Amino acid sequence: MAIIITDECINCGACEPECPNNAIYEGGVEWKLSDGTELGGPVTLMDGTVAQPDQKFAPVSEDYYYIVPDKCTECVGFHEEPQCAAVCPVDCCVPDPDVRETEAELLAKKEKLHI
């Protein structure tokens, strides 16, 4: 599953630089699949739509930091635990119950993002 940032976020920004997939963005900031990744061609998102790596998407949150589920691998293949949760001073980086993925799926996503 992906990690989400709850509305308890204090906008400290500690999580953002820790993400190996560049999946964390400040509230109100548009995101792209290509940010911090090596994607080169069209990508099928989790909802089944096809997107280009440099396509801009609306922010998931306007008010606080957020994590893009299509880029989050829970740090599988990089670290023992999600680094955003490890550094969060208010414990607002938690598993997203709506986005469940196996370790194999997370590793495959990591390989796709970092060719």
N, C-alpha and C. Protein backbone atom coordinates (compact mmCIF):
# COMPACT_ATOMS: atom_id res chain seq x y z
N MET A 1 0.84 -1.18 0.00
CA MET A 1 0.00 0.00 0.00
C MET A 1 0.88 1.23 0.00
N ALA A 2 0.33 2.31 -0.42
CA ALA A 2 1.05 3.57 -0.40
C ALA A 2 0.92 4.19 1.00
N ILE A 3 1.68 5.23 1.20
CA ILE A 3 1.61 5.99 2.44
C ILE A 3 0.83 7.27 2.14
N ILE A 4 0.06 7.74 3.10
CA ILE A 4 -0.61 9.03 2.98
C ILE A 4 -0.15 9.94 4.11
N ILE A 5 -0.33 11.21 3.89
CA ILE A 5 -0.04 12.20 4.93
C ILE A 5 -1.39 12.73 5.39
N THR A 6 -1.65 12.60 6.67
CA THR A 6 -2.94 13.00 7.21
C THR A 6 -3.01 14.52 7.40
N ASP A 7 -4.20 15.00 7.71
CA ASP A 7 -4.39 16.43 7.92
C ASP A 7 -3.78 16.93 9.22
N GLU A 8 -3.13 16.04 9.96
CA GLU A 8 -2.38 16.44 11.15
C GLU A 8 -1.00 16.99 10.80
N CYS A 9 -0.67 16.98 9.51
CA CYS A 9 0.63 17.48 9.03
C CYS A 9 0.83 18.93 9.47
N ILE A 10 2.04 19.22 9.95
CA ILE A 10 2.38 20.58 10.39
C ILE A 10 3.20 21.32 9.33
N ASN A 11 3.31 20.74 8.15
CA ASN A 11 4.03 21.34 7.03
C ASN A 11 5.49 21.65 7.33
N CYS A 12 6.13 20.76 8.08
CA CYS A 12 7.55 20.99 8.41
C CYS A 12 8.46 20.66 7.23
N GLY A 13 8.02 19.78 6.32
CA GLY A 13 8.81 19.44 5.16
C GLY A 13 9.88 18.40 5.39
N ALA A 14 9.95 17.81 6.57
CA ALA A 14 11.01 16.83 6.85
C ALA A 14 10.92 15.61 5.94
N CYS A 15 9.73 15.25 5.53
CA CYS A 15 9.52 14.04 4.73
C CYS A 15 9.98 14.19 3.28
N GLU A 16 9.78 15.34 2.70
CA GLU A 16 10.00 15.53 1.26
C GLU A 16 11.39 15.10 0.78
N PRO A 17 12.48 15.55 1.38
CA PRO A 17 13.80 15.16 0.87
C PRO A 17 14.15 13.70 1.14
N GLU A 18 13.41 13.03 2.00
CA GLU A 18 13.70 11.63 2.34
C GLU A 18 13.15 10.64 1.32
N CYS A 19 12.24 11.07 0.48
CA CYS A 19 11.57 10.15 -0.45
C CYS A 19 12.46 9.82 -1.64
N PRO A 20 12.81 8.54 -1.83
CA PRO A 20 13.68 8.16 -2.94
C PRO A 20 12.98 8.22 -4.30
N ASN A 21 11.65 8.36 -4.30
CA ASN A 21 10.89 8.40 -5.54
C ASN A 21 10.37 9.79 -5.89
N ASN A 22 10.69 10.77 -5.06
CA ASN A 22 10.17 12.12 -5.27
C ASN A 22 8.64 12.09 -5.34
N ALA A 23 8.03 11.32 -4.46
CA ALA A 23 6.58 11.17 -4.44
C ALA A 23 5.90 12.15 -3.50
N ILE A 24 6.66 12.93 -2.76
CA ILE A 24 6.11 13.84 -1.76
C ILE A 24 6.23 15.28 -2.26
N TYR A 25 5.11 15.99 -2.16
CA TYR A 25 5.05 17.37 -2.64
C TYR A 25 4.44 18.27 -1.58
N GLU A 26 4.83 19.53 -1.62
CA GLU A 26 4.24 20.52 -0.73
C GLU A 26 2.81 20.80 -1.18
N GLY A 27 1.93 21.06 -0.26
CA GLY A 27 0.55 21.36 -0.58
C GLY A 27 0.45 22.47 -1.61
N GLY A 28 -0.45 22.29 -2.59
CA GLY A 28 -0.67 23.29 -3.62
C GLY A 28 0.26 23.20 -4.81
N VAL A 29 1.26 22.32 -4.77
CA VAL A 29 2.23 22.20 -5.85
C VAL A 29 1.80 21.09 -6.80
N GLU A 30 1.80 21.39 -8.12
CA GLU A 30 1.51 20.37 -9.12
C GLU A 30 2.61 19.31 -9.11
N TRP A 31 2.27 18.10 -9.57
CA TRP A 31 3.26 17.03 -9.60
C TRP A 31 3.34 16.42 -10.99
N LYS A 32 4.51 15.78 -11.26
CA LYS A 32 4.73 15.05 -12.52
C LYS A 32 5.36 13.70 -12.19
N LEU A 33 5.07 12.73 -13.00
CA LEU A 33 5.67 11.41 -12.83
C LEU A 33 7.19 11.48 -13.02
N SER A 34 7.65 12.36 -13.88
CA SER A 34 9.08 12.45 -14.19
C SER A 34 9.91 13.10 -13.09
N ASP A 35 9.28 13.78 -12.14
CA ASP A 35 10.03 14.42 -11.06
C ASP A 35 10.81 13.37 -10.28
N GLY A 36 12.14 13.41 -10.38
CA GLY A 36 12.99 12.51 -9.61
C GLY A 36 12.99 11.07 -10.07
N THR A 37 12.45 10.81 -11.25
CA THR A 37 12.43 9.44 -11.77
C THR A 37 13.13 9.39 -13.12
N GLU A 38 13.17 8.21 -13.69
CA GLU A 38 13.82 8.03 -14.99
C GLU A 38 12.83 7.54 -16.05
N LEU A 39 11.56 7.88 -15.87
CA LEU A 39 10.54 7.45 -16.82
C LEU A 39 10.76 8.12 -18.16
N GLY A 40 10.56 7.35 -19.24
CA GLY A 40 10.79 7.90 -20.56
C GLY A 40 9.60 7.83 -21.49
N GLY A 41 8.63 7.01 -21.19
CA GLY A 41 7.49 6.87 -22.08
C GLY A 41 6.19 6.89 -21.32
N PRO A 42 5.09 6.66 -22.02
CA PRO A 42 3.78 6.68 -21.37
C PRO A 42 3.71 5.68 -20.21
N VAL A 43 2.94 6.06 -19.19
CA VAL A 43 2.80 5.24 -17.99
C VAL A 43 1.32 5.04 -17.71
N THR A 44 0.94 3.81 -17.37
CA THR A 44 -0.42 3.54 -16.96
C THR A 44 -0.52 3.75 -15.45
N LEU A 45 -1.37 4.68 -15.05
CA LEU A 45 -1.55 4.99 -13.64
C LEU A 45 -2.41 3.93 -12.96
N MET A 46 -2.46 3.99 -11.65
CA MET A 46 -3.21 3.00 -10.88
C MET A 46 -4.69 2.98 -11.23
N ASP A 47 -5.22 4.12 -11.68
CA ASP A 47 -6.64 4.17 -12.04
C ASP A 47 -6.90 3.73 -13.49
N GLY A 48 -5.82 3.32 -14.20
CA GLY A 48 -5.96 2.81 -15.55
C GLY A 48 -5.74 3.84 -16.65
N THR A 49 -5.66 5.12 -16.31
CA THR A 49 -5.40 6.13 -17.33
C THR A 49 -3.92 6.11 -17.71
N VAL A 50 -3.66 6.53 -18.93
CA VAL A 50 -2.29 6.59 -19.43
C VAL A 50 -1.83 8.04 -19.39
N ALA A 51 -0.63 8.26 -18.86
CA ALA A 51 -0.09 9.61 -18.71
C ALA A 51 1.34 9.67 -19.24
N GLN A 52 1.72 10.85 -19.66
CA GLN A 52 3.09 11.09 -20.08
C GLN A 52 3.92 11.48 -18.86
N PRO A 53 5.19 11.13 -18.82
CA PRO A 53 6.03 11.44 -17.66
C PRO A 53 6.06 12.92 -17.28
N ASP A 54 6.04 13.82 -18.28
CA ASP A 54 6.12 15.26 -17.99
C ASP A 54 4.76 15.94 -17.86
N GLN A 55 3.70 15.15 -17.90
CA GLN A 55 2.35 15.70 -17.75
C GLN A 55 2.17 16.22 -16.33
N LYS A 56 1.61 17.42 -16.21
CA LYS A 56 1.39 18.00 -14.88
C LYS A 56 0.02 17.58 -14.36
N PHE A 57 -0.02 17.31 -13.05
CA PHE A 57 -1.26 16.92 -12.38
C PHE A 57 -1.56 17.89 -11.26
N ALA A 58 -2.83 18.05 -10.97
CA ALA A 58 -3.26 18.94 -9.88
C ALA A 58 -2.77 18.38 -8.55
N PRO A 59 -2.52 19.26 -7.60
CA PRO A 59 -2.09 18.81 -6.26
C PRO A 59 -3.13 17.90 -5.62
N VAL A 60 -2.66 16.90 -4.90
CA VAL A 60 -3.56 16.02 -4.15
C VAL A 60 -4.12 16.77 -2.96
N SER A 61 -3.34 17.70 -2.42
CA SER A 61 -3.77 18.53 -1.28
C SER A 61 -3.33 19.96 -1.53
N GLU A 62 -4.16 20.88 -1.15
CA GLU A 62 -3.81 22.30 -1.23
C GLU A 62 -3.20 22.81 0.07
N ASP A 63 -3.50 22.13 1.17
CA ASP A 63 -3.19 22.66 2.50
C ASP A 63 -1.95 22.10 3.18
N TYR A 64 -1.57 20.87 2.85
CA TYR A 64 -0.42 20.26 3.51
C TYR A 64 0.28 19.30 2.56
N TYR A 65 1.47 18.88 2.94
CA TYR A 65 2.24 17.96 2.11
C TYR A 65 1.41 16.73 1.76
N TYR A 66 1.69 16.16 0.60
CA TYR A 66 0.96 14.97 0.16
C TYR A 66 1.89 14.01 -0.56
N ILE A 67 1.45 12.77 -0.67
CA ILE A 67 2.21 11.72 -1.35
C ILE A 67 1.41 11.24 -2.55
N VAL A 68 2.06 11.14 -3.70
CA VAL A 68 1.42 10.65 -4.92
C VAL A 68 1.48 9.12 -4.89
N PRO A 69 0.32 8.45 -4.79
CA PRO A 69 0.32 6.98 -4.70
C PRO A 69 0.98 6.29 -5.89
N ASP A 70 0.87 6.89 -7.08
CA ASP A 70 1.46 6.29 -8.27
C ASP A 70 2.98 6.29 -8.24
N LYS A 71 3.58 7.05 -7.32
CA LYS A 71 5.04 7.10 -7.20
C LYS A 71 5.55 6.49 -5.90
N CYS A 72 4.66 6.26 -4.94
CA CYS A 72 5.08 5.75 -3.63
C CYS A 72 5.31 4.25 -3.67
N THR A 73 6.48 3.84 -3.20
CA THR A 73 6.81 2.41 -3.09
C THR A 73 7.03 2.01 -1.64
N GLU A 74 6.63 2.86 -0.71
CA GLU A 74 6.87 2.63 0.72
C GLU A 74 8.35 2.40 1.01
N CYS A 75 9.20 2.90 0.14
CA CYS A 75 10.66 2.76 0.22
C CYS A 75 11.14 1.32 0.04
N VAL A 76 10.25 0.43 -0.41
CA VAL A 76 10.65 -0.96 -0.68
C VAL A 76 11.73 -0.94 -1.76
N GLY A 77 12.78 -1.69 -1.51
CA GLY A 77 13.91 -1.72 -2.44
C GLY A 77 14.95 -0.64 -2.16
N PHE A 78 14.63 0.27 -1.26
CA PHE A 78 15.56 1.33 -0.88
C PHE A 78 15.93 1.24 0.60
N HIS A 79 14.91 1.14 1.45
CA HIS A 79 15.11 1.18 2.90
C HIS A 79 14.24 0.13 3.59
N GLU A 80 14.52 -0.12 4.85
CA GLU A 80 13.77 -1.10 5.64
C GLU A 80 12.35 -0.64 5.98
N GLU A 81 12.15 0.69 6.03
CA GLU A 81 10.85 1.25 6.40
C GLU A 81 10.62 2.53 5.60
N PRO A 82 9.37 2.97 5.48
CA PRO A 82 9.11 4.24 4.80
C PRO A 82 9.82 5.38 5.51
N GLN A 83 10.66 6.07 4.78
CA GLN A 83 11.47 7.13 5.38
C GLN A 83 10.65 8.35 5.80
N CYS A 84 9.55 8.61 5.09
CA CYS A 84 8.71 9.74 5.49
C CYS A 84 8.15 9.52 6.89
N ALA A 85 7.70 8.30 7.15
CA ALA A 85 7.16 7.98 8.47
C ALA A 85 8.26 8.01 9.53
N ALA A 86 9.46 7.59 9.15
CA ALA A 86 10.56 7.54 10.12
C ALA A 86 10.97 8.93 10.59
N VAL A 87 10.86 9.94 9.73
CA VAL A 87 11.31 11.28 10.10
C VAL A 87 10.18 12.22 10.53
N CYS A 88 8.95 11.82 10.36
CA CYS A 88 7.82 12.70 10.66
C CYS A 88 7.71 12.95 12.17
N PRO A 89 7.77 14.21 12.58
CA PRO A 89 7.71 14.50 14.02
C PRO A 89 6.32 14.36 14.64
N VAL A 90 5.28 14.30 13.81
CA VAL A 90 3.92 14.19 14.35
C VAL A 90 3.22 12.90 13.93
N ASP A 91 3.96 11.97 13.35
CA ASP A 91 3.43 10.66 12.96
C ASP A 91 2.20 10.75 12.07
N CYS A 92 2.25 11.63 11.07
CA CYS A 92 1.11 11.76 10.17
C CYS A 92 1.32 11.04 8.84
N CYS A 93 2.43 10.35 8.65
CA CYS A 93 2.68 9.55 7.46
C CYS A 93 2.29 8.11 7.80
N VAL A 94 1.14 7.69 7.30
CA VAL A 94 0.57 6.40 7.68
C VAL A 94 0.17 5.60 6.44
N PRO A 95 0.02 4.28 6.57
CA PRO A 95 -0.43 3.47 5.42
C PRO A 95 -1.80 3.92 4.93
N ASP A 96 -1.95 3.95 3.62
CA ASP A 96 -3.22 4.34 2.99
C ASP A 96 -4.09 3.09 2.85
N PRO A 97 -5.18 2.99 3.59
CA PRO A 97 -6.02 1.79 3.53
C PRO A 97 -6.71 1.62 2.18
N ASP A 98 -6.75 2.68 1.36
CA ASP A 98 -7.40 2.60 0.06
C ASP A 98 -6.46 2.17 -1.06
N VAL A 99 -5.16 2.11 -0.79
CA VAL A 99 -4.18 1.73 -1.81
C VAL A 99 -3.34 0.60 -1.25
N ARG A 100 -3.71 -0.62 -1.58
CA ARG A 100 -3.00 -1.79 -1.06
C ARG A 100 -2.21 -2.44 -2.20
N GLU A 101 -0.91 -2.64 -1.97
CA GLU A 101 -0.04 -3.28 -2.94
C GLU A 101 0.85 -4.29 -2.24
N THR A 102 1.19 -5.34 -2.95
CA THR A 102 2.09 -6.35 -2.40
C THR A 102 3.52 -5.86 -2.51
N GLU A 103 4.42 -6.53 -1.82
CA GLU A 103 5.84 -6.18 -1.92
C GLU A 103 6.32 -6.33 -3.36
N ALA A 104 5.86 -7.37 -4.04
CA ALA A 104 6.24 -7.58 -5.44
C ALA A 104 5.76 -6.43 -6.33
N GLU A 105 4.54 -5.95 -6.08
CA GLU A 105 4.02 -4.82 -6.86
C GLU A 105 4.82 -3.55 -6.57
N LEU A 106 5.20 -3.34 -5.31
CA LEU A 106 5.99 -2.17 -4.96
C LEU A 106 7.38 -2.22 -5.59
N LEU A 107 7.98 -3.41 -5.61
CA LEU A 107 9.29 -3.56 -6.25
C LEU A 107 9.20 -3.33 -7.75
N ALA A 108 8.13 -3.81 -8.37
CA ALA A 108 7.94 -3.59 -9.81
C ALA A 108 7.77 -2.11 -10.10
N LYS A 109 7.05 -1.40 -9.25
CA LYS A 109 6.86 0.04 -9.42
C LYS A 109 8.21 0.75 -9.28
N LYS A 110 9.01 0.33 -8.31
CA LYS A 110 10.34 0.91 -8.12
C LYS A 110 11.19 0.73 -9.38
N GLU A 111 11.16 -0.48 -9.94
CA GLU A 111 11.94 -0.75 -11.15
C GLU A 111 11.46 0.09 -12.32
N LYS A 112 10.18 0.32 -12.42
CA LYS A 112 9.62 1.13 -13.49
C LYS A 112 10.03 2.60 -13.34
N LEU A 113 10.03 3.08 -12.11
CA LEU A 113 10.38 4.49 -11.86
C LEU A 113 11.87 4.76 -12.02
N HIS A 114 12.69 3.75 -11.73
CA HIS A 114 14.16 3.92 -11.75
C HIS A 114 14.79 2.88 -12.64
N ILE A 115 14.61 3.06 -13.93
CA ILE A 115 15.09 2.11 -14.94
C ILE A 115 16.58 1.90 -14.82
